[in-house]
Amino acid sequence: KDNFRPARVRRKDRAGVAWDVRFIDYLSPATGEWMPRSIEVWRDGQRAVRFTALKSDTRTALPEKLFTR
């Protein structure tokens, strides 16, 4: 309601290959609400890769120069 959290992104490339990126478990204790715990990439109906966060630090301060041009 207050945040946009996509569940998946689907598309077909120029060769007609179907790609599906799935974002799983946004409310995990490992990642909080800022990113999904798992991200899966599917190619033509078969899982190609899965990334899973084991832990994160949401309090990390990032340098301001990362956000300026």
C-alpha atoms as a PDB file:
ATOM      1  CA  LYS A   1       0.000   0.000   0.000  1.00  0.00           C
ATOM      2  CA  ASP A   2       2.773   2.460   0.910  1.00  0.00           C
ATOM      3  CA  ASN A   3       5.592   0.900  -1.127  1.00  0.00           C
ATOM      4  CA  PHE A   4       5.880  -0.608  -4.587  1.00  0.00           C
ATOM      5  CA  ARG A   5       7.152  -4.191  -4.350  1.00  0.00           C
ATOM      6  CA  PRO A   6       6.980  -5.985  -7.689  1.00  0.00           C
ATOM      7  CA  ALA A   7       6.413  -9.729  -7.546  1.00  0.00           C
ATOM      8  CA  ARG A   8       7.932 -10.441 -10.950  1.00  0.00           C
ATOM      9  CA  VAL A   9       9.114  -9.031 -14.256  1.00  0.00           C
ATOM     10  CA  ARG A  10       8.360 -10.959 -17.449  1.00  0.00           C
ATOM     11  CA  ARG A  11       9.480 -10.359 -21.026  1.00  0.00           C
ATOM     12  CA  LYS A  12      10.464 -12.037 -24.278  1.00  0.00           C
ATOM     13  CA  ASP A  13      13.714 -11.166 -25.996  1.00  0.00           C
ATOM     14  CA  ARG A  14      14.230 -10.754 -29.739  1.00  0.00           C
ATOM     15  CA  ALA A  15      14.892 -14.478 -30.159  1.00  0.00           C
ATOM     16  CA  GLY A  16      11.530 -15.275 -28.550  1.00  0.00           C
ATOM     17  CA  VAL A  17      13.035 -16.580 -25.294  1.00  0.00           C
ATOM     18  CA  ALA A  18      10.720 -15.966 -22.330  1.00  0.00           C
ATOM     19  CA  TRP A  19      12.430 -14.478 -19.248  1.00  0.00           C
ATOM     20  CA  ASP A  20      10.817 -14.303 -15.818  1.00  0.00           C
ATOM     21  CA  VAL A  21      12.461 -12.638 -12.798  1.00  0.00           C
ATOM     22  CA  ARG A  22      10.696 -13.438  -9.521  1.00  0.00           C
ATOM     23  CA  PHE A  23      11.121 -11.521  -6.270  1.00  0.00           C
ATOM     24  CA  ILE A  24      10.332 -13.720  -3.260  1.00  0.00           C
ATOM     25  CA  ASP A  25       9.830 -12.924   0.462  1.00  0.00           C
ATOM     26  CA  TYR A  26      10.033  -9.173   0.995  1.00  0.00           C
ATOM     27  CA  LEU A  27       9.389  -9.471   4.736  1.00  0.00           C
ATOM     28  CA  SER A  28      12.278 -11.764   5.593  1.00  0.00           C
ATOM     29  CA  PRO A  29      14.202 -11.101   8.839  1.00  0.00           C
ATOM     30  CA  ALA A  30      17.410 -11.415   6.784  1.00  0.00           C
ATOM     31  CA  THR A  31      16.685  -8.438   4.502  1.00  0.00           C
ATOM     32  CA  GLY A  32      13.912  -6.464   6.170  1.00  0.00           C
ATOM     33  CA  GLU A  33      11.537  -4.713   3.786  1.00  0.00           C
ATOM     34  CA  TRP A  34      14.128  -3.088   1.520  1.00  0.00           C
ATOM     35  CA  MET A  35      14.668  -6.019  -0.849  1.00  0.00           C
ATOM     36  CA  PRO A  36      13.353  -9.551  -1.370  1.00  0.00           C
ATOM     37  CA  ARG A  37      15.187 -12.395   0.310  1.00  0.00           C
ATOM     38  CA  SER A  38      15.327 -14.458  -2.901  1.00  0.00           C
ATOM     39  CA  ILE A  39      15.461 -13.524  -6.569  1.00  0.00           C
ATOM     40  CA  GLU A  40      14.943 -16.221  -9.197  1.00  0.00           C
ATOM     41  CA  VAL A  41      15.631 -15.888 -12.914  1.00  0.00           C
ATOM     42  CA  TRP A  42      13.693 -18.275 -15.154  1.00  0.00           C
ATOM     43  CA  ARG A  43      14.405 -18.846 -18.846  1.00  0.00           C
ATOM     44  CA  ASP A  44      11.786 -20.612 -20.988  1.00  0.00           C
ATOM     45  CA  GLY A  45      10.092 -22.114 -17.931  1.00  0.00           C
ATOM     46  CA  GLN A  46      13.263 -23.449 -16.278  1.00  0.00           C
ATOM     47  CA  ARG A  47      15.041 -21.810 -13.386  1.00  0.00           C
ATOM     48  CA  ALA A  48      18.439 -20.535 -14.502  1.00  0.00           C
ATOM     49  CA  VAL A  49      19.677 -18.995 -11.247  1.00  0.00           C
ATOM     50  CA  ARG A  50      18.519 -18.186  -7.718  1.00  0.00           C
ATOM     51  CA  PHE A  51      20.062 -15.567  -5.433  1.00  0.00           C
ATOM     52  CA  THR A  52      19.299 -15.786  -1.698  1.00  0.00           C
ATOM     53  CA  ALA A  53      20.336 -13.228   0.926  1.00  0.00           C
ATOM     54  CA  LEU A  54      21.493 -14.785   4.181  1.00  0.00           C
ATOM     55  CA  LYS A  55      21.855 -11.528   6.096  1.00  0.00           C
ATOM     56  CA  SER A  56      22.003  -7.791   5.535  1.00  0.00           C
ATOM     57  CA  ASP A  57      22.753  -4.574   7.342  1.00  0.00           C
ATOM     58  CA  THR A  58      20.108  -1.952   6.603  1.00  0.00           C
ATOM     59  CA  ARG A  59      21.850   0.619   8.822  1.00  0.00           C
ATOM     60  CA  THR A  60      24.956   0.942   6.652  1.00  0.00           C
ATOM     61  CA  ALA A  61      25.736   4.563   5.772  1.00  0.00           C
ATOM     62  CA  LEU A  62      26.509   5.140   2.101  1.00  0.00           C
ATOM     63  CA  PRO A  63      28.747   8.025   1.005  1.00  0.00           C
ATOM     64  CA  GLU A  64      26.789  10.953  -0.417  1.00  0.00           C
ATOM     65  CA  LYS A  65      29.070  11.047  -3.486  1.00  0.00           C
ATOM     66  CA  LEU A  66      27.441   7.826  -4.706  1.00  0.00           C
ATOM     67  CA  PHE A  67      24.236   9.780  -5.345  1.00  0.00           C
ATOM     68  CA  THR A  68      25.573  12.912  -7.035  1.00  0.00           C
ATOM     69  CA  ARG A  69      26.533  13.424 -10.636  1.00  0.00           C
END
